[in-house]
Amino acid sequence: MSYTKLKIKGASMQSLLSVRKSNLWLEEDHFLHVEGRGLIFTFWEHYQRLYFENIKGIIILTTKLYLIHSVSYSLIGLFFLLLGVGSSLLVSDNLTKWIVILVVGAIGTLFLIRGIFIGLFRKSCKFLILTNVAAIEIPSLNTMRVAENTEKILSGFIEKAQGKLDQEGLKKVIEIEKSDL
């Protein structure tokens, strides 16, 4: 077997001491989901092999987490900008005043730009793969752009394994699923 790594950028923070990372490795008839936790070194790994013929669906749920991140970064940025201005009023030396304004202001500006960037361009989501027995979340696919690109790639492999579903076939599947409820 020769796996091809699917490029996924990003990692999902769990706490200050742990980061949750996911990798997808593609093979002709299945993919391997490797989830690891650690900060510098991975100290825990979990492997899941999912065959394309067993996948019932892919769900991308939009979340509002990006708004929380955007507001948090922006507030931290504003705090540093105000701190720079306020502390410059307390310093009597002209050179020190400008150094404080530049250093603390630069930190505040970086946080503010990051907050605006997240709010405008990093819409957050949850990426779930449905099988007969579970809904598996891929934590590193936490932005809409990356999730949609990955969904396109996986859909091609799923259609190759299961066949393409036309509109009439889709209606039949929906009716069968409704009757099972």
C-alpha atoms as a PDB file:
ATOM      1  CA  MET A   1       0.000   0.000   0.000  1.00  0.00           C
ATOM      2  CA  SER A   2       1.212   3.453  -0.828  1.00  0.00           C
ATOM      3  CA  TYR A   3      -0.670   6.202   0.952  1.00  0.00           C
ATOM      4  CA  THR A   4      -0.845   9.753  -0.330  1.00  0.00           C
ATOM      5  CA  LYS A   5      -1.068  12.418   2.343  1.00  0.00           C
ATOM      6  CA  LEU A   6      -3.917  14.852   1.856  1.00  0.00           C
ATOM      7  CA  LYS A   7      -2.578  18.317   2.622  1.00  0.00           C
ATOM      8  CA  ILE A   8      -4.512  19.843   5.508  1.00  0.00           C
ATOM      9  CA  LYS A   9      -3.298  23.102   6.972  1.00  0.00           C
ATOM     10  CA  GLY A  10      -4.156  24.014  10.511  1.00  0.00           C
ATOM     11  CA  ALA A  11      -4.543  22.420  13.868  1.00  0.00           C
ATOM     12  CA  SER A  12      -7.232  22.691  16.444  1.00  0.00           C
ATOM     13  CA  MET A  13      -6.214  24.013  19.866  1.00  0.00           C
ATOM     14  CA  GLN A  14      -7.636  22.139  22.832  1.00  0.00           C
ATOM     15  CA  SER A  15      -5.853  24.003  25.617  1.00  0.00           C
ATOM     16  CA  LEU A  16      -2.629  25.895  26.222  1.00  0.00           C
ATOM     17  CA  LEU A  17      -0.772  22.602  26.766  1.00  0.00           C
ATOM     18  CA  SER A  18      -2.279  20.422  24.045  1.00  0.00           C
ATOM     19  CA  VAL A  19      -2.895  20.683  20.312  1.00  0.00           C
ATOM     20  CA  ARG A  20      -5.120  18.296  18.370  1.00  0.00           C
ATOM     21  CA  LYS A  21      -3.866  17.524  14.853  1.00  0.00           C
ATOM     22  CA  SER A  22      -5.387  15.393  12.111  1.00  0.00           C
ATOM     23  CA  ASN A  23      -3.979  13.921   8.938  1.00  0.00           C
ATOM     24  CA  LEU A  24      -5.772  12.145   6.125  1.00  0.00           C
ATOM     25  CA  TRP A  25      -3.893   9.525   4.117  1.00  0.00           C
ATOM     26  CA  LEU A  26      -5.553   8.438   0.861  1.00  0.00           C
ATOM     27  CA  GLU A  27      -5.433   5.002  -0.736  1.00  0.00           C
ATOM     28  CA  GLU A  28      -7.390   3.755  -3.751  1.00  0.00           C
ATOM     29  CA  ASP A  29     -10.316   2.229  -1.784  1.00  0.00           C
ATOM     30  CA  HIS A  30     -10.056   3.883   1.661  1.00  0.00           C
ATOM     31  CA  PHE A  31      -8.454   6.631   3.673  1.00  0.00           C
ATOM     32  CA  LEU A  32      -6.725   6.637   7.016  1.00  0.00           C
ATOM     33  CA  HIS A  33      -7.583   9.339   9.543  1.00  0.00           C
ATOM     34  CA  VAL A  34      -4.737   9.862  12.014  1.00  0.00           C
ATOM     35  CA  GLU A  35      -5.526  12.095  14.979  1.00  0.00           C
ATOM     36  CA  GLY A  36      -2.768  13.074  17.375  1.00  0.00           C
ATOM     37  CA  ARG A  37      -2.488  15.181  20.492  1.00  0.00           C
ATOM     38  CA  GLY A  38       0.549  16.916  21.876  1.00  0.00           C
ATOM     39  CA  LEU A  39       2.257  20.268  21.927  1.00  0.00           C
ATOM     40  CA  ILE A  40       5.740  19.816  20.532  1.00  0.00           C
ATOM     41  CA  PHE A  41       5.741  16.006  20.413  1.00  0.00           C
ATOM     42  CA  THR A  42       2.700  13.868  19.741  1.00  0.00           C
ATOM     43  CA  PHE A  43       1.961  11.876  22.887  1.00  0.00           C
ATOM     44  CA  TRP A  44      -1.300  10.238  21.798  1.00  0.00           C
ATOM     45  CA  GLU A  45      -2.465   8.958  18.403  1.00  0.00           C
ATOM     46  CA  HIS A  46      -5.689   7.403  17.186  1.00  0.00           C
ATOM     47  CA  TYR A  47      -6.090   5.698  13.807  1.00  0.00           C
ATOM     48  CA  GLN A  48      -9.324   5.157  11.868  1.00  0.00           C
ATOM     49  CA  ARG A  49      -9.543   3.447   8.486  1.00  0.00           C
ATOM     50  CA  LEU A  50     -12.635   4.382   6.478  1.00  0.00           C
ATOM     51  CA  TYR A  51     -13.503   2.617   3.239  1.00  0.00           C
ATOM     52  CA  PHE A  52     -15.081   4.842   0.591  1.00  0.00           C
ATOM     53  CA  GLU A  53     -17.809   2.276  -0.097  1.00  0.00           C
ATOM     54  CA  ASN A  54     -18.990   2.543   3.557  1.00  0.00           C
ATOM     55  CA  ILE A  55     -19.303   6.337   3.699  1.00  0.00           C
ATOM     56  CA  LYS A  56     -22.932   7.457   3.803  1.00  0.00           C
ATOM     57  CA  GLY A  57     -22.232  11.169   3.581  1.00  0.00           C
ATOM     58  CA  ILE A  58     -20.124  14.193   4.383  1.00  0.00           C
ATOM     59  CA  ILE A  59     -21.569  17.016   6.456  1.00  0.00           C
ATOM     60  CA  ILE A  60     -20.025  20.455   6.836  1.00  0.00           C
ATOM     61  CA  LEU A  61     -21.648  22.380   9.711  1.00  0.00           C
ATOM     62  CA  THR A  62     -20.937  26.091   9.931  1.00  0.00           C
ATOM     63  CA  THR A  63     -20.121  27.358  13.408  1.00  0.00           C
ATOM     64  CA  LYS A  64     -19.821  30.804  14.962  1.00  0.00           C
ATOM     65  CA  LEU A  65     -16.461  30.055  16.600  1.00  0.00           C
ATOM     66  CA  TYR A  66     -14.710  32.377  14.146  1.00  0.00           C
ATOM     67  CA  LEU A  67     -16.715  35.313  15.540  1.00  0.00           C
ATOM     68  CA  ILE A  68     -15.530  34.543  19.079  1.00  0.00           C
ATOM     69  CA  HIS A  69     -11.916  34.362  17.858  1.00  0.00           C
ATOM     70  CA  SER A  70     -12.290  37.537  15.823  1.00  0.00           C
ATOM     71  CA  VAL A  71     -13.755  39.551  18.692  1.00  0.00           C
ATOM     72  CA  SER A  72     -11.204  38.148  21.172  1.00  0.00           C
ATOM     73  CA  TYR A  73      -8.210  39.043  19.000  1.00  0.00           C
ATOM     74  CA  SER A  74      -9.658  42.475  18.236  1.00  0.00           C
ATOM     75  CA  LEU A  75     -10.271  43.240  21.926  1.00  0.00           C
ATOM     76  CA  ILE A  76      -6.735  42.166  22.832  1.00  0.00           C
ATOM     77  CA  GLY A  77      -5.434  44.397  20.034  1.00  0.00           C
ATOM     78  CA  LEU A  78      -7.445  47.381  21.258  1.00  0.00           C
ATOM     79  CA  PHE A  79      -6.232  46.735  24.823  1.00  0.00           C
ATOM     80  CA  PHE A  80      -2.591  46.867  23.685  1.00  0.00           C
ATOM     81  CA  LEU A  81      -3.209  50.005  21.626  1.00  0.00           C
ATOM     82  CA  LEU A  82      -4.790  51.723  24.616  1.00  0.00           C
ATOM     83  CA  LEU A  83      -2.018  50.411  26.862  1.00  0.00           C
ATOM     84  CA  GLY A  84       0.580  51.918  24.524  1.00  0.00           C
ATOM     85  CA  VAL A  85      -1.119  55.298  24.488  1.00  0.00           C
ATOM     86  CA  GLY A  86      -1.772  55.264  28.245  1.00  0.00           C
ATOM     87  CA  SER A  87       1.728  54.195  29.213  1.00  0.00           C
ATOM     88  CA  SER A  88       3.257  56.803  26.907  1.00  0.00           C
ATOM     89  CA  LEU A  89       1.453  59.474  28.929  1.00  0.00           C
ATOM     90  CA  LEU A  90       3.174  58.237  32.093  1.00  0.00           C
ATOM     91  CA  VAL A  91       6.690  58.322  30.615  1.00  0.00           C
ATOM     92  CA  SER A  92       8.470  61.678  30.657  1.00  0.00           C
ATOM     93  CA  ASP A  93      11.442  60.780  28.430  1.00  0.00           C
ATOM     94  CA  ASN A  94      10.606  61.469  24.771  1.00  0.00           C
ATOM     95  CA  LEU A  95      12.635  58.572  23.328  1.00  0.00           C
ATOM     96  CA  THR A  96      11.177  56.054  25.797  1.00  0.00           C
ATOM     97  CA  LYS A  97       7.696  57.353  25.039  1.00  0.00           C
ATOM     98  CA  TRP A  98       8.088  56.620  21.322  1.00  0.00           C
ATOM     99  CA  ILE A  99       9.623  53.202  21.954  1.00  0.00           C
ATOM    100  CA  VAL A 100       6.689  52.247  24.205  1.00  0.00           C
ATOM    101  CA  ILE A 101       4.161  53.494  21.651  1.00  0.00           C
ATOM    102  CA  LEU A 102       5.886  51.645  18.783  1.00  0.00           C
ATOM    103  CA  VAL A 103       6.420  48.311  20.569  1.00  0.00           C
ATOM    104  CA  VAL A 104       3.099  48.062  22.380  1.00  0.00           C
ATOM    105  CA  GLY A 105       1.260  49.641  19.437  1.00  0.00           C
ATOM    106  CA  ALA A 106       2.795  47.128  17.019  1.00  0.00           C
ATOM    107  CA  ILE A 107       1.661  44.233  19.217  1.00  0.00           C
ATOM    108  CA  GLY A 108      -1.836  45.724  19.402  1.00  0.00           C
ATOM    109  CA  THR A 109      -1.953  46.295  15.667  1.00  0.00           C
ATOM    110  CA  LEU A 110      -0.944  42.688  14.926  1.00  0.00           C
ATOM    111  CA  PHE A 111      -3.702  41.346  17.191  1.00  0.00           C
ATOM    112  CA  LEU A 112      -6.219  43.738  15.635  1.00  0.00           C
ATOM    113  CA  ILE A 113      -5.273  42.753  12.072  1.00  0.00           C
ATOM    114  CA  ARG A 114      -5.486  39.054  13.026  1.00  0.00           C
ATOM    115  CA  GLY A 115      -8.956  39.606  14.503  1.00  0.00           C
ATOM    116  CA  ILE A 116     -10.194  41.390  11.380  1.00  0.00           C
ATOM    117  CA  PHE A 117      -8.656  38.696   9.136  1.00  0.00           C
ATOM    118  CA  ILE A 118     -10.370  35.892  11.066  1.00  0.00           C
ATOM    119  CA  GLY A 119     -13.701  37.720  10.979  1.00  0.00           C
ATOM    120  CA  LEU A 120     -13.574  38.292   7.231  1.00  0.00           C
ATOM    121  CA  PHE A 121     -11.810  35.245   5.804  1.00  0.00           C
ATOM    122  CA  ARG A 122     -11.736  32.275   8.225  1.00  0.00           C
ATOM    123  CA  LYS A 123     -15.322  31.059   8.540  1.00  0.00           C
ATOM    124  CA  SER A 124     -15.297  28.115  10.934  1.00  0.00           C
ATOM    125  CA  CYS A 125     -16.993  24.749  10.583  1.00  0.00           C
ATOM    126  CA  LYS A 126     -17.148  21.142  11.742  1.00  0.00           C
ATOM    127  CA  PHE A 127     -16.370  18.447   9.168  1.00  0.00           C
ATOM    128  CA  LEU A 128     -18.178  15.155   9.744  1.00  0.00           C
ATOM    129  CA  ILE A 129     -17.978  11.911   7.805  1.00  0.00           C
ATOM    130  CA  LEU A 130     -21.038   9.698   8.244  1.00  0.00           C
ATOM    131  CA  THR A 131     -20.854   5.916   8.200  1.00  0.00           C
ATOM    132  CA  ASN A 132     -23.430   3.317   9.216  1.00  0.00           C
ATOM    133  CA  VAL A 133     -22.192   3.327  12.803  1.00  0.00           C
ATOM    134  CA  ALA A 134     -20.665   6.746  13.540  1.00  0.00           C
ATOM    135  CA  ALA A 135     -20.193  10.374  12.634  1.00  0.00           C
ATOM    136  CA  ILE A 136     -16.440  11.000  12.611  1.00  0.00           C
ATOM    137  CA  GLU A 137     -15.219  14.555  13.064  1.00  0.00           C
ATOM    138  CA  ILE A 138     -11.977  15.624  11.407  1.00  0.00           C
ATOM    139  CA  PRO A 139     -10.809  18.437  13.740  1.00  0.00           C
ATOM    140  CA  SER A 140      -8.179  19.986  11.467  1.00  0.00           C
ATOM    141  CA  LEU A 141     -10.798  20.666   8.792  1.00  0.00           C
ATOM    142  CA  ASN A 142     -12.143  23.583  10.814  1.00  0.00           C
ATOM    143  CA  THR A 143     -12.390  26.313   8.166  1.00  0.00           C
ATOM    144  CA  MET A 144     -14.939  26.392   5.345  1.00  0.00           C
ATOM    145  CA  ARG A 145     -12.395  26.842   2.547  1.00  0.00           C
ATOM    146  CA  VAL A 146     -10.289  23.820   3.550  1.00  0.00           C
ATOM    147  CA  ALA A 147     -13.363  21.702   4.367  1.00  0.00           C
ATOM    148  CA  GLU A 148     -14.999  22.387   0.996  1.00  0.00           C
ATOM    149  CA  ASN A 149     -11.786  21.591  -0.901  1.00  0.00           C
ATOM    150  CA  THR A 150     -11.356  18.328   1.032  1.00  0.00           C
ATOM    151  CA  GLU A 151     -15.008  17.418   0.438  1.00  0.00           C
ATOM    152  CA  LYS A 152     -14.479  17.777  -3.329  1.00  0.00           C
ATOM    153  CA  ILE A 153     -11.450  15.467  -3.215  1.00  0.00           C
ATOM    154  CA  LEU A 154     -13.155  12.834  -1.052  1.00  0.00           C
ATOM    155  CA  SER A 155     -16.361  12.987  -3.131  1.00  0.00           C
ATOM    156  CA  GLY A 156     -14.404  11.948  -6.200  1.00  0.00           C
ATOM    157  CA  PHE A 157     -13.069   8.864  -4.401  1.00  0.00           C
ATOM    158  CA  ILE A 158     -16.516   8.054  -2.946  1.00  0.00           C
ATOM    159  CA  GLU A 159     -18.191   8.309  -6.378  1.00  0.00           C
ATOM    160  CA  LYS A 160     -15.492   6.078  -7.840  1.00  0.00           C
ATOM    161  CA  ALA A 161     -16.159   3.422  -5.166  1.00  0.00           C
ATOM    162  CA  GLN A 162     -19.973   3.712  -5.006  1.00  0.00           C
ATOM    163  CA  GLY A 163     -20.896   5.042  -8.422  1.00  0.00           C
ATOM    164  CA  LYS A 164     -22.366   8.423  -9.290  1.00  0.00           C
ATOM    165  CA  LEU A 165     -25.841   9.092  -7.923  1.00  0.00           C
ATOM    166  CA  ASP A 166     -28.198  10.862 -10.318  1.00  0.00           C
ATOM    167  CA  GLN A 167     -31.256  12.904  -9.258  1.00  0.00           C
ATOM    168  CA  GLU A 168     -33.666   9.982  -9.570  1.00  0.00           C
ATOM    169  CA  GLY A 169     -31.354   7.700  -7.586  1.00  0.00           C
ATOM    170  CA  LEU A 170     -31.028  10.379  -4.921  1.00  0.00           C
ATOM    171  CA  LYS A 171     -34.828  10.627  -4.585  1.00  0.00           C
ATOM    172  CA  LYS A 172     -35.041   6.834  -4.133  1.00  0.00           C
ATOM    173  CA  VAL A 173     -32.350   6.882  -1.428  1.00  0.00           C
ATOM    174  CA  ILE A 174     -34.136   9.705   0.414  1.00  0.00           C
ATOM    175  CA  GLU A 175     -37.446   7.810   0.294  1.00  0.00           C
ATOM    176  CA  ILE A 176     -35.795   4.628   1.600  1.00  0.00           C
ATOM    177  CA  GLU A 177     -34.159   6.595   4.435  1.00  0.00           C
ATOM    178  CA  LYS A 178     -37.513   8.251   5.304  1.00  0.00           C
ATOM    179  CA  SER A 179     -39.251   4.869   5.390  1.00  0.00           C
ATOM    180  CA  ASP A 180     -36.568   3.535   7.777  1.00  0.00           C
ATOM    181  CA  LEU A 181     -37.369   6.313  10.244  1.00  0.00           C
END
